[in-house]
Each structure stands twice: as C-alpha cells, then as structure tokens.
C-alpha cells in the first residue's frame, strides 16, 4: 500500500505540548461568542485545532492565537476551514488555512 500523499506546502509544528492558547470567535443569533480550542499544530500557512462544537468545512472563521515561549505574541487570523472530523470525547478536529493574519509568520518569501 502506498503512503498517503502529503498536500501541505509547509512543515507543521506540534503545539499540544507547548504553551499556546487558541480562541475561536463565533457569530450567533444571540451575539458574538468566544470558544477556547486546542491548537494541535501550526505552520506558516495554517493550523490544526480541536473544538468543542463543530465548524463547517468551507467557512471562514476568526481566531486569536496566543503564543508563549519561545515565540511570544498575540496573533489574530482569519482562516478558511478545509476539513472537519469527529474526535474522541465529543470534540471536533479541523484543519484551516490562513486567509489573513495580523503578524507575518516569517515563512518562505517573507522578510
């Protein structure tokens, strides 16, 4: 059996063992809500995360990423959800690519 084809352009860094906080902003009928999520991995162009409630594939969502040591800072991003799947204990795992960011990630082609 052939190994799965890797579609990512940039290496992903595991974030579950690092000090990082991810907040998802949702617009609801009763107004804006914030939901704490788990940042699973991060790259120059996207992230993987675990949410308590499902997000929909193809929708754009706003997030706040609070990175701590060794890279410190708050980053606001708008991300396009590319995939979603059920995770253990009633959570939802998702992958998203960055559409906008308040901070450059110093990826290829960035100064």
N, C-alpha and C. Protein backbone atom coordinates (compact mmCIF):
# COMPACT_ATOMS: atom_id res chain seq x y z
N UNK A 1 0.83 -1.18 0.00
CA UNK A 1 0.00 0.00 0.00
C UNK A 1 0.88 1.25 0.00
N UNK A 2 0.57 2.21 -0.86
CA UNK A 2 1.35 3.44 -0.96
C UNK A 2 1.06 4.36 0.22
N UNK A 3 2.08 5.12 0.67
CA UNK A 3 1.85 6.07 1.76
C UNK A 3 0.93 7.19 1.27
N UNK A 4 0.21 7.84 2.19
CA UNK A 4 -0.69 8.92 1.77
C UNK A 4 0.10 10.07 1.15
N UNK A 5 -0.50 10.75 0.20
CA UNK A 5 0.12 11.88 -0.46
C UNK A 5 0.03 13.10 0.45
N UNK A 6 1.16 13.76 0.67
CA UNK A 6 1.20 14.95 1.52
C UNK A 6 0.90 16.18 0.66
N UNK A 7 -0.13 16.94 1.05
CA UNK A 7 -0.54 18.12 0.30
C UNK A 7 -0.07 19.42 0.93
N UNK A 8 0.52 19.36 2.08
CA UNK A 8 0.95 20.57 2.77
C UNK A 8 2.21 21.13 2.13
N UNK A 9 2.26 22.46 2.04
CA UNK A 9 3.44 23.13 1.49
C UNK A 9 4.49 23.39 2.57
N UNK A 10 4.04 23.53 3.82
CA UNK A 10 4.94 23.91 4.91
C UNK A 10 4.86 22.89 6.03
N UNK A 11 5.99 22.71 6.71
CA UNK A 11 6.05 21.80 7.85
C UNK A 11 5.12 22.28 8.96
N UNK A 12 4.41 21.36 9.57
CA UNK A 12 3.55 21.68 10.72
C UNK A 12 4.31 21.37 12.00
N UNK A 13 4.15 22.24 12.99
CA UNK A 13 4.80 22.06 14.28
C UNK A 13 3.75 21.68 15.31
N UNK A 14 3.97 20.58 16.01
CA UNK A 14 3.03 20.14 17.05
C UNK A 14 2.98 21.19 18.14
N UNK A 15 1.78 21.55 18.57
CA UNK A 15 1.62 22.61 19.56
C UNK A 15 1.00 22.13 20.86
N UNK A 16 0.54 20.90 20.94
CA UNK A 16 -0.19 20.43 22.13
C UNK A 16 0.69 20.42 23.37
N UNK A 17 2.01 20.27 23.20
CA UNK A 17 2.89 20.25 24.37
C UNK A 17 3.49 21.63 24.66
N UNK A 18 3.11 22.64 23.89
CA UNK A 18 3.65 23.99 24.07
C UNK A 18 2.62 24.90 24.71
N UNK A 19 3.10 25.99 25.25
CA UNK A 19 2.22 26.96 25.87
C UNK A 19 1.61 27.84 24.77
N UNK A 20 0.42 27.50 24.35
CA UNK A 20 -0.30 28.26 23.32
C UNK A 20 -1.78 28.16 23.62
N UNK A 21 -2.49 29.25 23.36
CA UNK A 21 -3.93 29.27 23.58
C UNK A 21 -4.60 29.69 22.28
N UNK A 22 -5.71 29.04 21.93
CA UNK A 22 -6.44 29.34 20.71
C UNK A 22 -7.88 29.66 21.08
N UNK A 23 -8.35 30.81 20.60
CA UNK A 23 -9.74 31.23 20.82
C UNK A 23 -10.43 31.36 19.48
N UNK A 24 -11.59 30.73 19.34
CA UNK A 24 -12.42 30.80 18.14
C UNK A 24 -13.55 31.78 18.40
N UNK A 25 -13.79 32.69 17.46
CA UNK A 25 -14.89 33.65 17.58
C UNK A 25 -16.03 33.19 16.69
N UNK A 26 -17.23 33.10 17.28
CA UNK A 26 -18.42 32.68 16.56
C UNK A 26 -19.48 33.77 16.62
N UNK A 27 -20.18 33.98 15.52
CA UNK A 27 -21.34 34.88 15.50
C UNK A 27 -22.57 34.00 15.64
N UNK A 28 -23.39 34.28 16.66
CA UNK A 28 -24.61 33.51 16.88
C UNK A 28 -25.81 34.46 16.87
N UNK A 29 -26.99 33.90 16.90
CA UNK A 29 -28.20 34.73 16.92
C UNK A 29 -28.25 35.63 18.16
N UNK A 30 -27.66 35.17 19.24
CA UNK A 30 -27.66 35.97 20.48
C UNK A 30 -26.45 36.89 20.59
N UNK A 31 -25.60 36.92 19.57
CA UNK A 31 -24.44 37.81 19.56
C UNK A 31 -23.13 37.05 19.46
N UNK A 32 -22.00 37.75 19.51
CA UNK A 32 -20.70 37.10 19.38
C UNK A 32 -20.37 36.23 20.60
N UNK A 33 -19.71 35.12 20.32
CA UNK A 33 -19.27 34.20 21.38
C UNK A 33 -17.81 33.85 21.15
N UNK A 34 -17.13 33.51 22.24
CA UNK A 34 -15.75 33.03 22.18
C UNK A 34 -15.72 31.59 22.67
N UNK A 35 -14.91 30.78 22.02
CA UNK A 35 -14.77 29.38 22.42
C UNK A 35 -13.29 29.03 22.49
N UNK A 36 -12.86 28.53 23.64
CA UNK A 36 -11.48 28.06 23.77
C UNK A 36 -11.33 26.76 23.01
N UNK A 37 -10.29 26.67 22.21
CA UNK A 37 -9.99 25.46 21.42
C UNK A 37 -8.58 25.00 21.78
N UNK A 38 -8.22 23.84 21.30
CA UNK A 38 -6.88 23.32 21.48
C UNK A 38 -6.15 23.44 20.16
N UNK A 39 -5.01 24.13 20.18
CA UNK A 39 -4.17 24.26 18.99
C UNK A 39 -3.34 22.98 18.87
N UNK A 40 -3.63 22.19 17.84
CA UNK A 40 -2.94 20.91 17.67
C UNK A 40 -1.61 21.07 16.95
N UNK A 41 -1.61 21.85 15.86
CA UNK A 41 -0.38 22.10 15.13
C UNK A 41 -0.48 23.42 14.39
N UNK A 42 0.67 23.94 13.98
CA UNK A 42 0.75 25.26 13.38
C UNK A 42 1.82 25.27 12.32
N UNK A 43 1.56 25.95 11.21
CA UNK A 43 2.56 26.13 10.16
C UNK A 43 2.50 27.56 9.67
N UNK A 44 3.32 27.89 8.68
CA UNK A 44 3.30 29.23 8.10
C UNK A 44 1.97 29.54 7.44
N UNK A 45 1.27 28.52 6.98
CA UNK A 45 0.07 28.78 6.18
C UNK A 45 -1.23 28.26 6.79
N UNK A 46 -1.17 27.59 7.95
CA UNK A 46 -2.40 27.06 8.50
C UNK A 46 -2.21 26.42 9.86
N UNK A 47 -3.28 25.75 10.31
CA UNK A 47 -3.25 25.13 11.64
C UNK A 47 -4.23 23.98 11.71
N UNK A 48 -4.02 23.13 12.69
CA UNK A 48 -4.97 22.10 13.06
C UNK A 48 -5.45 22.43 14.47
N UNK A 49 -6.73 22.23 14.73
CA UNK A 49 -7.25 22.57 16.05
C UNK A 49 -8.39 21.62 16.43
N UNK A 50 -8.69 21.59 17.72
CA UNK A 50 -9.78 20.79 18.27
C UNK A 50 -10.78 21.73 18.93
N UNK A 51 -12.06 21.60 18.54
CA UNK A 51 -13.12 22.46 19.05
C UNK A 51 -14.17 21.63 19.78
N UNK A 52 -14.87 22.28 20.70
CA UNK A 52 -15.94 21.63 21.44
C UNK A 52 -17.17 21.43 20.57
N UNK A 53 -17.43 22.39 19.70
CA UNK A 53 -18.57 22.31 18.78
C UNK A 53 -18.06 22.27 17.35
N UNK A 54 -18.82 21.66 16.44
CA UNK A 54 -18.34 21.55 15.06
C UNK A 54 -18.28 22.89 14.35
N UNK A 55 -17.34 23.00 13.43
CA UNK A 55 -17.28 24.08 12.46
C UNK A 55 -17.58 23.44 11.11
N UNK A 56 -17.89 24.25 10.13
CA UNK A 56 -18.27 23.71 8.82
C UNK A 56 -17.12 23.86 7.82
N UNK A 57 -16.89 22.83 7.07
CA UNK A 57 -15.91 22.87 6.00
C UNK A 57 -16.28 23.98 5.02
N UNK A 58 -15.32 24.81 4.63
CA UNK A 58 -15.55 25.87 3.67
C UNK A 58 -15.89 27.22 4.28
N UNK A 59 -16.11 27.29 5.58
CA UNK A 59 -16.44 28.59 6.19
C UNK A 59 -15.17 29.28 6.68
N UNK A 60 -15.23 30.61 6.72
CA UNK A 60 -14.14 31.39 7.27
C UNK A 60 -14.45 31.72 8.73
N UNK A 61 -13.45 31.58 9.57
CA UNK A 61 -13.59 31.85 11.00
C UNK A 61 -12.44 32.73 11.47
N UNK A 62 -12.71 33.52 12.50
CA UNK A 62 -11.68 34.35 13.11
C UNK A 62 -11.18 33.67 14.39
N UNK A 63 -9.87 33.77 14.61
CA UNK A 63 -9.21 33.16 15.76
C UNK A 63 -8.23 34.14 16.38
N UNK A 64 -7.95 33.93 17.65
CA UNK A 64 -6.86 34.62 18.34
C UNK A 64 -5.90 33.53 18.81
N UNK A 65 -4.66 33.63 18.37
CA UNK A 65 -3.63 32.66 18.77
C UNK A 65 -2.71 33.38 19.75
N UNK A 66 -2.60 32.85 20.95
CA UNK A 66 -1.74 33.41 21.99
C UNK A 66 -0.53 32.49 22.11
N UNK A 67 0.55 32.87 21.46
CA UNK A 67 1.78 32.09 21.50
C UNK A 67 2.63 32.55 22.67
N UNK A 68 3.16 31.60 23.40
CA UNK A 68 4.02 31.94 24.52
C UNK A 68 5.42 31.47 24.19
N UNK A 69 6.29 31.30 25.17
CA UNK A 69 7.70 30.99 24.94
C UNK A 69 7.86 29.81 23.98
N UNK A 70 8.82 29.84 23.09
CA UNK A 70 9.82 30.88 22.88
C UNK A 70 9.34 32.01 21.95
N UNK A 71 8.28 31.80 21.18
CA UNK A 71 7.75 32.84 20.28
C UNK A 71 6.56 33.47 20.97
N UNK A 72 6.70 34.66 21.48
CA UNK A 72 5.62 35.27 22.25
C UNK A 72 4.84 36.26 21.40
N UNK A 73 3.54 36.33 21.64
CA UNK A 73 2.72 37.33 20.98
C UNK A 73 1.33 36.84 20.68
N UNK A 74 0.43 37.82 20.51
CA UNK A 74 -0.94 37.55 20.11
C UNK A 74 -1.06 37.74 18.60
N UNK A 75 -1.72 36.81 17.95
CA UNK A 75 -1.91 36.90 16.51
C UNK A 75 -3.39 36.67 16.22
N UNK A 76 -4.00 37.61 15.51
CA UNK A 76 -5.38 37.45 15.06
C UNK A 76 -5.33 36.96 13.62
N UNK A 77 -6.09 35.90 13.35
CA UNK A 77 -6.12 35.35 11.99
C UNK A 77 -7.56 35.12 11.55
N UNK A 78 -7.74 35.20 10.25
CA UNK A 78 -8.97 34.70 9.62
C UNK A 78 -8.52 33.47 8.86
N UNK A 79 -9.23 32.37 9.06
CA UNK A 79 -8.82 31.10 8.46
C UNK A 79 -9.99 30.44 7.76
N UNK A 80 -9.69 29.75 6.67
CA UNK A 80 -10.68 29.00 5.90
C UNK A 80 -10.60 27.54 6.35
N UNK A 81 -11.71 27.01 6.85
CA UNK A 81 -11.75 25.62 7.32
C UNK A 81 -11.75 24.70 6.11
N UNK A 82 -10.74 23.83 6.03
CA UNK A 82 -10.59 22.93 4.88
C UNK A 82 -11.17 21.54 5.13
N UNK A 83 -11.11 21.08 6.38
CA UNK A 83 -11.65 19.75 6.70
C UNK A 83 -12.08 19.72 8.17
N UNK A 84 -13.03 18.82 8.45
CA UNK A 84 -13.55 18.64 9.81
C UNK A 84 -13.83 17.15 10.00
N UNK A 85 -13.52 16.64 11.19
CA UNK A 85 -13.88 15.25 11.52
C UNK A 85 -14.11 15.14 13.01
N UNK A 86 -14.92 14.14 13.39
CA UNK A 86 -15.20 13.87 14.81
C UNK A 86 -13.93 13.40 15.48
N UNK A 87 -13.76 13.84 16.73
CA UNK A 87 -12.62 13.43 17.54
C UNK A 87 -13.17 12.74 18.79
N UNK A 88 -12.32 12.10 19.58
CA UNK A 88 -12.79 11.44 20.80
C UNK A 88 -13.45 12.42 21.78
N UNK A 89 -14.27 11.88 22.63
CA UNK A 89 -14.93 12.61 23.73
C UNK A 89 -15.82 13.75 23.26
N UNK A 90 -16.40 13.62 22.08
CA UNK A 90 -17.36 14.61 21.60
C UNK A 90 -16.75 15.88 21.03
N UNK A 91 -15.43 15.91 20.82
CA UNK A 91 -14.78 17.07 20.23
C UNK A 91 -14.78 16.95 18.71
N UNK A 92 -14.34 18.02 18.05
CA UNK A 92 -14.23 18.06 16.59
C UNK A 92 -12.84 18.55 16.22
N UNK A 93 -12.14 17.80 15.36
CA UNK A 93 -10.84 18.22 14.84
C UNK A 93 -11.05 18.88 13.50
N UNK A 94 -10.25 19.90 13.21
CA UNK A 94 -10.37 20.62 11.95
C UNK A 94 -9.01 21.12 11.51
N UNK A 95 -8.89 21.35 10.22
CA UNK A 95 -7.70 21.95 9.64
C UNK A 95 -8.13 23.20 8.90
N UNK A 96 -7.31 24.24 8.98
CA UNK A 96 -7.66 25.51 8.34
C UNK A 96 -6.42 26.16 7.76
N UNK A 97 -6.62 26.93 6.68
CA UNK A 97 -5.53 27.70 6.09
C UNK A 97 -5.77 29.17 6.40
N UNK A 98 -4.68 29.90 6.60
CA UNK A 98 -4.79 31.31 6.93
C UNK A 98 -5.13 32.13 5.69
N UNK A 99 -6.11 33.02 5.85
CA UNK A 99 -6.51 33.93 4.79
C UNK A 99 -5.95 35.33 5.09
N UNK A 100 -5.99 35.72 6.38
CA UNK A 100 -5.44 36.99 6.84
C UNK A 100 -4.76 36.76 8.18
N UNK A 101 -3.75 37.60 8.47
CA UNK A 101 -3.06 37.49 9.75
C UNK A 101 -2.53 38.86 10.15
N UNK A 102 -2.56 39.17 11.45
CA UNK A 102 -2.02 40.43 11.93
C UNK A 102 -0.52 40.37 12.11
N UNK A 103 0.07 39.20 11.91
CA UNK A 103 1.51 39.05 12.09
C UNK A 103 2.04 38.12 11.01
N UNK A 104 3.15 38.49 10.41
CA UNK A 104 3.81 37.61 9.45
C UNK A 104 4.41 36.43 10.16
N UNK A 105 4.40 35.31 9.53
CA UNK A 105 4.92 34.09 10.15
C UNK A 105 6.36 33.82 9.75
N UNK A 106 6.97 34.76 9.01
CA UNK A 106 8.35 34.61 8.54
C UNK A 106 8.52 33.32 7.77
N UNK A 107 7.57 33.05 6.93
CA UNK A 107 7.66 31.87 6.08
C UNK A 107 8.42 32.18 4.81
N UNK A 108 8.50 31.22 3.93
CA UNK A 108 9.19 31.42 2.66
C UNK A 108 8.64 32.65 1.93
N UNK A 109 9.54 33.51 1.49
CA UNK A 109 9.15 34.70 0.76
C UNK A 109 8.85 35.90 1.64
N UNK A 110 8.87 35.74 2.96
CA UNK A 110 8.62 36.86 3.87
C UNK A 110 9.94 37.37 4.41
N UNK A 111 10.01 38.65 4.66
CA UNK A 111 11.21 39.28 5.23
C UNK A 111 11.18 39.19 6.73
